Amino acid sequence: MHIGPLLGSGRTADVYALDGSWVLRRHRDGIDSTGELAVMSYLSASGFPVPRLGPPAEAARPTDLVLQRLTGPTLADALLAGTVSGPEAADLLARLLRELHAIPSRLSQDPEDRILHLDLHPGNVILAQEGAVVIDWLTASEGPPALDRAMSALILAQPALDPASAAGAPARELLAALLSRFADDGGVPAVSLARATALRAADPRLTVGETAGLEEAAGLVASLAG
């Protein structure tokens, strides 16, 4: 397998070109991708928009995933560029979560549980030619859908509280619009917001500043959710 140039890096992984159709995503910290592969395979078979999975033989290490090479901006990029409005982005995120939560859980025996992304925000949605595609399933789990809604809202609330960030105002507009969409799906109960805050506080990928701002972010979600 010939690994091409580095295309991008996230908090835990690097993405390399393989050819015009496929990329190799490799975790830097020895994180095994087996569980993520299983979730994505299940969701793909269920018709949910995830990147196509490439030939397993091309994945040289357990930390590797071979994925469809997607072209198009992230939803975050489109928001900052002004090509997608806050309400339009809220419609899309709410729809993606609704479609995800309509799929039965893969492992849980609780009939109320669903697949949860637990990191669904504009940076993890690619506006590809074939439509919106959800990426980065490392944190995926199973549980009540309200927890996924709470986590997405909490993640958006953090940049919304940063006045120095170019994403601050768009994130706040998006958060308010998204919470109004969530109201039709059961909203963000206080118990789910508290659980999401605890889960995010335990995430080693967060910076010290991000962790310190979680309670304020949760307060913003609660105030906007009414």
C-alpha atoms as a PDB file:
ATOM      1  CA  MET A   1       0.000   0.000   0.000  1.00  0.00           C
ATOM      2  CA  HIS A   2       1.373   3.385  -0.988  1.00  0.00           C
ATOM      3  CA  ILE A   3       0.347   6.174   1.389  1.00  0.00           C
ATOM      4  CA  GLY A   4       0.168   9.554  -0.295  1.00  0.00           C
ATOM      5  CA  PRO A   5       0.422  13.076   1.112  1.00  0.00           C
ATOM      6  CA  LEU A   6      -1.119  14.207   4.369  1.00  0.00           C
ATOM      7  CA  LEU A   7      -4.498  15.813   3.681  1.00  0.00           C
ATOM      8  CA  GLY A   8      -5.430  16.938   7.175  1.00  0.00           C
ATOM      9  CA  SER A   9      -5.128  16.330  10.890  1.00  0.00           C
ATOM     10  CA  GLY A  10      -7.640  16.308  13.725  1.00  0.00           C
ATOM     11  CA  ARG A  11      -7.324  15.948  17.468  1.00  0.00           C
ATOM     12  CA  THR A  12      -6.523  12.247  17.333  1.00  0.00           C
ATOM     13  CA  ALA A  13      -5.962  11.235  13.715  1.00  0.00           C
ATOM     14  CA  ASP A  14      -4.230  12.104  10.464  1.00  0.00           C
ATOM     15  CA  VAL A  15      -5.764  11.619   7.011  1.00  0.00           C
ATOM     16  CA  TYR A  16      -3.598  10.618   4.045  1.00  0.00           C
ATOM     17  CA  ALA A  17      -4.427  10.331   0.363  1.00  0.00           C
ATOM     18  CA  LEU A  18      -4.340   6.853  -1.141  1.00  0.00           C
ATOM     19  CA  ASP A  19      -5.706   7.738  -4.579  1.00  0.00           C
ATOM     20  CA  GLY A  20      -8.520   9.777  -6.085  1.00  0.00           C
ATOM     21  CA  SER A  21     -11.210   7.652  -4.450  1.00  0.00           C
ATOM     22  CA  TRP A  22      -9.860   6.659  -1.045  1.00  0.00           C
ATOM     23  CA  VAL A  23      -8.092   8.074   1.997  1.00  0.00           C
ATOM     24  CA  LEU A  24      -6.386   6.439   4.949  1.00  0.00           C
ATOM     25  CA  ARG A  25      -7.311   7.776   8.377  1.00  0.00           C
ATOM     26  CA  ARG A  26      -4.772   6.768  11.029  1.00  0.00           C
ATOM     27  CA  HIS A  27      -5.092   7.402  14.757  1.00  0.00           C
ATOM     28  CA  ARG A  28      -1.932   8.768  16.329  1.00  0.00           C
ATOM     29  CA  ASP A  29      -2.516   7.486  19.877  1.00  0.00           C
ATOM     30  CA  GLY A  30      -2.902   3.795  19.166  1.00  0.00           C
ATOM     31  CA  ILE A  31      -6.707   3.938  19.206  1.00  0.00           C
ATOM     32  CA  ASP A  32      -8.155   0.780  17.656  1.00  0.00           C
ATOM     33  CA  SER A  33     -10.610   1.531  14.841  1.00  0.00           C
ATOM     34  CA  THR A  34     -12.381  -1.855  15.012  1.00  0.00           C
ATOM     35  CA  GLY A  35     -15.395  -0.559  16.931  1.00  0.00           C
ATOM     36  CA  GLU A  36     -15.761   2.481  14.703  1.00  0.00           C
ATOM     37  CA  LEU A  37     -15.589   0.262  11.622  1.00  0.00           C
ATOM     38  CA  ALA A  38     -18.385  -1.940  12.991  1.00  0.00           C
ATOM     39  CA  VAL A  39     -20.648   1.037  13.697  1.00  0.00           C
ATOM     40  CA  MET A  40     -20.041   2.612  10.293  1.00  0.00           C
ATOM     41  CA  SER A  41     -20.653  -0.707   8.522  1.00  0.00           C
ATOM     42  CA  TYR A  42     -23.960  -1.100  10.365  1.00  0.00           C
ATOM     43  CA  LEU A  43     -25.060   2.449   9.592  1.00  0.00           C
ATOM     44  CA  SER A  44     -24.045   2.166   5.943  1.00  0.00           C
ATOM     45  CA  ALA A  45     -26.142  -0.994   5.608  1.00  0.00           C
ATOM     46  CA  SER A  46     -29.023   0.897   7.255  1.00  0.00           C
ATOM     47  CA  GLY A  47     -28.821   3.677   4.669  1.00  0.00           C
ATOM     48  CA  PHE A  48     -27.382   6.395   6.899  1.00  0.00           C
ATOM     49  CA  PRO A  49     -24.942   8.789   5.136  1.00  0.00           C
ATOM     50  CA  VAL A  50     -21.463   7.772   6.293  1.00  0.00           C
ATOM     51  CA  PRO A  51     -18.342   7.603   4.115  1.00  0.00           C
ATOM     52  CA  ARG A  52     -18.049   4.414   2.091  1.00  0.00           C
ATOM     53  CA  LEU A  53     -15.623   1.944   3.619  1.00  0.00           C
ATOM     54  CA  GLY A  54     -12.663   0.925   1.502  1.00  0.00           C
ATOM     55  CA  PRO A  55     -10.872  -2.390   1.096  1.00  0.00           C
ATOM     56  CA  PRO A  56      -9.928  -3.699   4.586  1.00  0.00           C
ATOM     57  CA  ALA A  57      -6.672  -5.096   3.185  1.00  0.00           C
ATOM     58  CA  GLU A  58      -5.474  -1.535   2.642  1.00  0.00           C
ATOM     59  CA  ALA A  59      -5.643  -0.843   6.389  1.00  0.00           C
ATOM     60  CA  ALA A  60      -2.165  -1.832   7.522  1.00  0.00           C
ATOM     61  CA  ARG A  61      -2.756  -1.275  11.249  1.00  0.00           C
ATOM     62  CA  PRO A  62      -5.649  -1.604  13.730  1.00  0.00           C
ATOM     63  CA  THR A  63      -5.526   2.211  14.003  1.00  0.00           C
ATOM     64  CA  ASP A  64      -6.367   2.584  10.289  1.00  0.00           C
ATOM     65  CA  LEU A  65      -9.603   3.100   8.390  1.00  0.00           C
ATOM     66  CA  VAL A  66      -9.785   3.294   4.610  1.00  0.00           C
ATOM     67  CA  LEU A  67     -12.591   5.661   3.721  1.00  0.00           C
ATOM     68  CA  GLN A  68     -14.211   7.282   0.717  1.00  0.00           C
ATOM     69  CA  ARG A  69     -12.431  10.458  -0.317  1.00  0.00           C
ATOM     70  CA  LEU A  70     -15.097  13.141   0.019  1.00  0.00           C
ATOM     71  CA  THR A  71     -15.021  16.484  -1.757  1.00  0.00           C
ATOM     72  CA  GLY A  72     -16.879  19.482  -0.430  1.00  0.00           C
ATOM     73  CA  PRO A  73     -16.738  21.875   2.518  1.00  0.00           C
ATOM     74  CA  THR A  74     -17.672  21.016   6.040  1.00  0.00           C
ATOM     75  CA  LEU A  75     -20.897  22.498   7.324  1.00  0.00           C
ATOM     76  CA  ALA A  76     -18.719  24.635   9.615  1.00  0.00           C
ATOM     77  CA  ASP A  77     -16.844  26.065   6.633  1.00  0.00           C
ATOM     78  CA  ALA A  78     -20.108  26.787   4.833  1.00  0.00           C
ATOM     79  CA  LEU A  79     -21.499  28.595   7.878  1.00  0.00           C
ATOM     80  CA  LEU A  80     -18.424  30.795   8.195  1.00  0.00           C
ATOM     81  CA  ALA A  81     -18.467  31.504   4.445  1.00  0.00           C
ATOM     82  CA  GLY A  82     -22.122  32.495   4.615  1.00  0.00           C
ATOM     83  CA  THR A  83     -23.215  29.949   2.000  1.00  0.00           C
ATOM     84  CA  VAL A  84     -25.390  28.167   4.603  1.00  0.00           C
ATOM     85  CA  SER A  85     -27.450  30.072   7.184  1.00  0.00           C
ATOM     86  CA  GLY A  86     -27.829  29.186  10.839  1.00  0.00           C
ATOM     87  CA  PRO A  87     -31.448  28.037  10.421  1.00  0.00           C
ATOM     88  CA  GLU A  88     -30.498  25.940   7.379  1.00  0.00           C
ATOM     89  CA  ALA A  89     -27.662  24.299   9.310  1.00  0.00           C
ATOM     90  CA  ALA A  90     -30.018  23.668  12.243  1.00  0.00           C
ATOM     91  CA  ASP A  91     -32.492  21.968   9.914  1.00  0.00           C
ATOM     92  CA  LEU A  92     -29.735  19.731   8.567  1.00  0.00           C
ATOM     93  CA  LEU A  93     -28.254  18.762  11.946  1.00  0.00           C
ATOM     94  CA  ALA A  94     -31.677  18.061  13.431  1.00  0.00           C
ATOM     95  CA  ARG A  95     -32.620  15.946  10.418  1.00  0.00           C
ATOM     96  CA  LEU A  96     -29.393  13.934  10.578  1.00  0.00           C
ATOM     97  CA  LEU A  97     -29.877  13.193  14.264  1.00  0.00           C
ATOM     98  CA  ARG A  98     -33.527  12.298  13.688  1.00  0.00           C
ATOM     99  CA  GLU A  99     -32.576   9.871  10.896  1.00  0.00           C
ATOM    100  CA  LEU A 100     -29.773   8.381  12.994  1.00  0.00           C
ATOM    101  CA  HIS A 101     -32.059   7.851  15.967  1.00  0.00           C
ATOM    102  CA  ALA A 102     -34.633   6.094  13.789  1.00  0.00           C
ATOM    103  CA  ILE A 103     -32.157   3.217  13.315  1.00  0.00           C
ATOM    104  CA  PRO A 104     -32.411   0.442  15.957  1.00  0.00           C
ATOM    105  CA  SER A 105     -29.385  -0.021  18.189  1.00  0.00           C
ATOM    106  CA  ARG A 106     -26.800  -2.565  17.113  1.00  0.00           C
ATOM    107  CA  LEU A 107     -25.955  -4.104  20.502  1.00  0.00           C
ATOM    108  CA  SER A 108     -28.223  -2.795  23.255  1.00  0.00           C
ATOM    109  CA  GLN A 109     -31.195  -4.881  24.345  1.00  0.00           C
ATOM    110  CA  ASP A 110     -33.065  -1.781  25.497  1.00  0.00           C
ATOM    111  CA  PRO A 111     -35.705  -1.033  22.829  1.00  0.00           C
ATOM    112  CA  GLU A 112     -35.430   2.700  23.569  1.00  0.00           C
ATOM    113  CA  ASP A 113     -31.688   2.867  22.862  1.00  0.00           C
ATOM    114  CA  ARG A 114     -30.303   4.054  19.537  1.00  0.00           C
ATOM    115  CA  ILE A 115     -26.905   4.613  17.915  1.00  0.00           C
ATOM    116  CA  LEU A 116     -25.461   7.893  19.223  1.00  0.00           C
ATOM    117  CA  HIS A 117     -22.767   9.885  17.451  1.00  0.00           C
ATOM    118  CA  LEU A 118     -21.908  11.996  20.522  1.00  0.00           C
ATOM    119  CA  ASP A 119     -19.828  14.465  18.494  1.00  0.00           C
ATOM    120  CA  LEU A 120     -22.224  15.649  15.802  1.00  0.00           C
ATOM    121  CA  HIS A 121     -21.405  19.282  15.072  1.00  0.00           C
ATOM    122  CA  PRO A 122     -20.854  21.279  11.857  1.00  0.00           C
ATOM    123  CA  GLY A 123     -17.199  20.251  11.590  1.00  0.00           C
ATOM    124  CA  ASN A 124     -18.218  16.597  11.326  1.00  0.00           C
ATOM    125  CA  VAL A 125     -20.660  17.052   8.448  1.00  0.00           C
ATOM    126  CA  ILE A 126     -19.235  17.137   4.911  1.00  0.00           C
ATOM    127  CA  LEU A 127     -21.401  18.808   2.259  1.00  0.00           C
ATOM    128  CA  ALA A 128     -20.431  16.393  -0.505  1.00  0.00           C
ATOM    129  CA  GLN A 129     -21.827  16.355  -4.022  1.00  0.00           C
ATOM    130  CA  GLU A 130     -24.070  13.414  -3.153  1.00  0.00           C
ATOM    131  CA  GLY A 131     -25.402  15.146  -0.038  1.00  0.00           C
ATOM    132  CA  ALA A 132     -24.434  15.629   3.589  1.00  0.00           C
ATOM    133  CA  VAL A 133     -22.163  12.905   4.997  1.00  0.00           C
ATOM    134  CA  VAL A 134     -21.419  12.438   8.715  1.00  0.00           C
ATOM    135  CA  ILE A 135     -17.813  11.645   9.636  1.00  0.00           C
ATOM    136  CA  ASP A 136     -15.761  10.850  12.777  1.00  0.00           C
ATOM    137  CA  TRP A 137     -17.575   8.038  14.595  1.00  0.00           C
ATOM    138  CA  LEU A 138     -14.866   7.470  17.214  1.00  0.00           C
ATOM    139  CA  THR A 139     -17.134   8.500  20.106  1.00  0.00           C
ATOM    140  CA  ALA A 140     -20.197   6.586  18.859  1.00  0.00           C
ATOM    141  CA  SER A 141     -22.134   4.700  21.501  1.00  0.00           C
ATOM    142  CA  GLU A 142     -25.677   3.533  22.214  1.00  0.00           C
ATOM    143  CA  GLY A 143     -28.244   5.076  24.524  1.00  0.00           C
ATOM    144  CA  PRO A 144     -31.164   7.519  24.668  1.00  0.00           C
ATOM    145  CA  PRO A 145     -31.402   9.976  21.730  1.00  0.00           C
ATOM    146  CA  ALA A 146     -31.773  12.917  24.134  1.00  0.00           C
ATOM    147  CA  LEU A 147     -28.145  12.415  25.154  1.00  0.00           C
ATOM    148  CA  ASP A 148     -27.005  12.916  21.548  1.00  0.00           C
ATOM    149  CA  ARG A 149     -29.073  16.094  21.238  1.00  0.00           C
ATOM    150  CA  ALA A 150     -27.644  17.389  24.512  1.00  0.00           C
ATOM    151  CA  MET A 151     -24.071  16.679  23.405  1.00  0.00           C
ATOM    152  CA  SER A 152     -24.486  18.460  20.061  1.00  0.00           C
ATOM    153  CA  ALA A 153     -25.973  21.483  21.821  1.00  0.00           C
ATOM    154  CA  LEU A 154     -23.210  21.517  24.440  1.00  0.00           C
ATOM    155  CA  ILE A 155     -20.476  21.358  21.795  1.00  0.00           C
ATOM    156  CA  LEU A 156     -22.021  24.308  19.940  1.00  0.00           C
ATOM    157  CA  ALA A 157     -22.419  26.323  23.149  1.00  0.00           C
ATOM    158  CA  GLN A 158     -18.666  26.400  23.784  1.00  0.00           C
ATOM    159  CA  PRO A 159     -17.654  28.508  20.744  1.00  0.00           C
ATOM    160  CA  ALA A 160     -20.885  30.500  21.144  1.00  0.00           C
ATOM    161  CA  LEU A 161     -19.481  31.801  24.444  1.00  0.00           C
ATOM    162  CA  ASP A 162     -16.192  32.948  22.914  1.00  0.00           C
ATOM    163  CA  PRO A 163     -16.555  36.596  21.786  1.00  0.00           C
ATOM    164  CA  ALA A 164     -13.071  36.555  20.275  1.00  0.00           C
ATOM    165  CA  SER A 165     -13.889  33.662  17.956  1.00  0.00           C
ATOM    166  CA  ALA A 166     -15.084  34.216  14.385  1.00  0.00           C
ATOM    167  CA  ALA A 167     -17.358  31.238  14.973  1.00  0.00           C
ATOM    168  CA  GLY A 168     -18.924  32.757  18.091  1.00  0.00           C
ATOM    169  CA  ALA A 169     -21.890  34.595  16.576  1.00  0.00           C
ATOM    170  CA  PRO A 170     -22.716  31.909  13.963  1.00  0.00           C
ATOM    171  CA  ALA A 171     -22.490  29.212  16.655  1.00  0.00           C
ATOM    172  CA  ARG A 172     -24.882  31.074  18.935  1.00  0.00           C
ATOM    173  CA  GLU A 173     -27.384  31.596  16.105  1.00  0.00           C
ATOM    174  CA  LEU A 174     -27.113  27.941  15.137  1.00  0.00           C
ATOM    175  CA  LEU A 175     -27.480  26.773  18.746  1.00  0.00           C
ATOM    176  CA  ALA A 176     -30.685  28.753  19.283  1.00  0.00           C
ATOM    177  CA  ALA A 177     -32.153  27.485  16.004  1.00  0.00           C
ATOM    178  CA  LEU A 178     -31.109  23.899  16.713  1.00  0.00           C
ATOM    179  CA  LEU A 179     -32.675  23.878  20.168  1.00  0.00           C
ATOM    180  CA  SER A 180     -35.939  25.063  18.659  1.00  0.00           C
ATOM    181  CA  ARG A 181     -35.803  22.090  16.234  1.00  0.00           C
ATOM    182  CA  PHE A 182     -34.979  19.724  19.087  1.00  0.00           C
ATOM    183  CA  ALA A 183     -38.154  20.803  20.900  1.00  0.00           C
ATOM    184  CA  ASP A 184     -40.149  18.792  18.354  1.00  0.00           C
ATOM    185  CA  ASP A 185     -38.045  15.677  19.051  1.00  0.00           C
ATOM    186  CA  GLY A 186     -38.207  15.694  22.840  1.00  0.00           C
ATOM    187  CA  GLY A 187     -35.886  18.596  23.596  1.00  0.00           C
ATOM    188  CA  VAL A 188     -32.815  18.503  25.821  1.00  0.00           C
ATOM    189  CA  PRO A 189     -33.856  17.305  29.292  1.00  0.00           C
ATOM    190  CA  ALA A 190     -31.789  18.530  32.227  1.00  0.00           C
ATOM    191  CA  VAL A 191     -30.694  14.984  33.101  1.00  0.00           C
ATOM    192  CA  SER A 192     -29.383  14.459  29.551  1.00  0.00           C
ATOM    193  CA  LEU A 193     -27.530  17.776  29.580  1.00  0.00           C
ATOM    194  CA  ALA A 194     -25.917  16.886  32.914  1.00  0.00           C
ATOM    195  CA  ARG A 195     -24.818  13.509  31.565  1.00  0.00           C
ATOM    196  CA  ALA A 196     -23.451  15.063  28.375  1.00  0.00           C
ATOM    197  CA  THR A 197     -21.505  17.601  30.440  1.00  0.00           C
ATOM    198  CA  ALA A 198     -19.977  14.822  32.561  1.00  0.00           C
ATOM    199  CA  LEU A 199     -19.040  12.769  29.493  1.00  0.00           C
ATOM    200  CA  ARG A 200     -17.428  15.748  27.804  1.00  0.00           C
ATOM    201  CA  ALA A 201     -15.542  16.678  30.974  1.00  0.00           C
ATOM    202  CA  ALA A 202     -14.003  13.194  30.936  1.00  0.00           C
ATOM    203  CA  ASP A 203     -12.865  13.530  27.310  1.00  0.00           C
ATOM    204  CA  PRO A 204      -9.035  13.656  27.279  1.00  0.00           C
ATOM    205  CA  ARG A 205      -9.080  15.338  23.848  1.00  0.00           C
ATOM    206  CA  LEU A 206     -10.431  18.595  25.290  1.00  0.00           C
ATOM    207  CA  THR A 207      -8.098  21.421  26.207  1.00  0.00           C
ATOM    208  CA  VAL A 208      -7.944  22.723  29.765  1.00  0.00           C
ATOM    209  CA  GLY A 209      -9.850  25.830  28.687  1.00  0.00           C
ATOM    210  CA  GLU A 210     -12.583  23.806  27.001  1.00  0.00           C
ATOM    211  CA  THR A 211     -13.055  21.659  30.079  1.00  0.00           C
ATOM    212  CA  ALA A 212     -13.169  24.713  32.345  1.00  0.00           C
ATOM    213  CA  GLY A 213     -15.911  26.289  30.222  1.00  0.00           C
ATOM    214  CA  LEU A 214     -18.261  23.319  30.233  1.00  0.00           C
ATOM    215  CA  GLU A 215     -20.507  24.433  33.088  1.00  0.00           C
ATOM    216  CA  GLU A 216     -21.017  27.854  31.510  1.00  0.00           C
ATOM    217  CA  ALA A 217     -21.776  26.181  28.188  1.00  0.00           C
ATOM    218  CA  ALA A 218     -24.317  23.885  29.841  1.00  0.00           C
ATOM    219  CA  GLY A 219     -25.914  26.937  31.438  1.00  0.00           C
ATOM    220  CA  LEU A 220     -26.267  28.586  28.034  1.00  0.00           C
ATOM    221  CA  VAL A 221     -27.934  25.478  26.590  1.00  0.00           C
ATOM    222  CA  ALA A 222     -30.342  25.306  29.526  1.00  0.00           C
ATOM    223  CA  SER A 223     -31.249  28.999  29.219  1.00  0.00           C
ATOM    224  CA  LEU A 224     -31.869  28.828  25.464  1.00  0.00           C
ATOM    225  CA  ALA A 225     -33.750  25.552  25.717  1.00  0.00           C
ATOM    226  CA  GLY A 226     -36.123  27.186  28.198  1.00  0.00           C
END
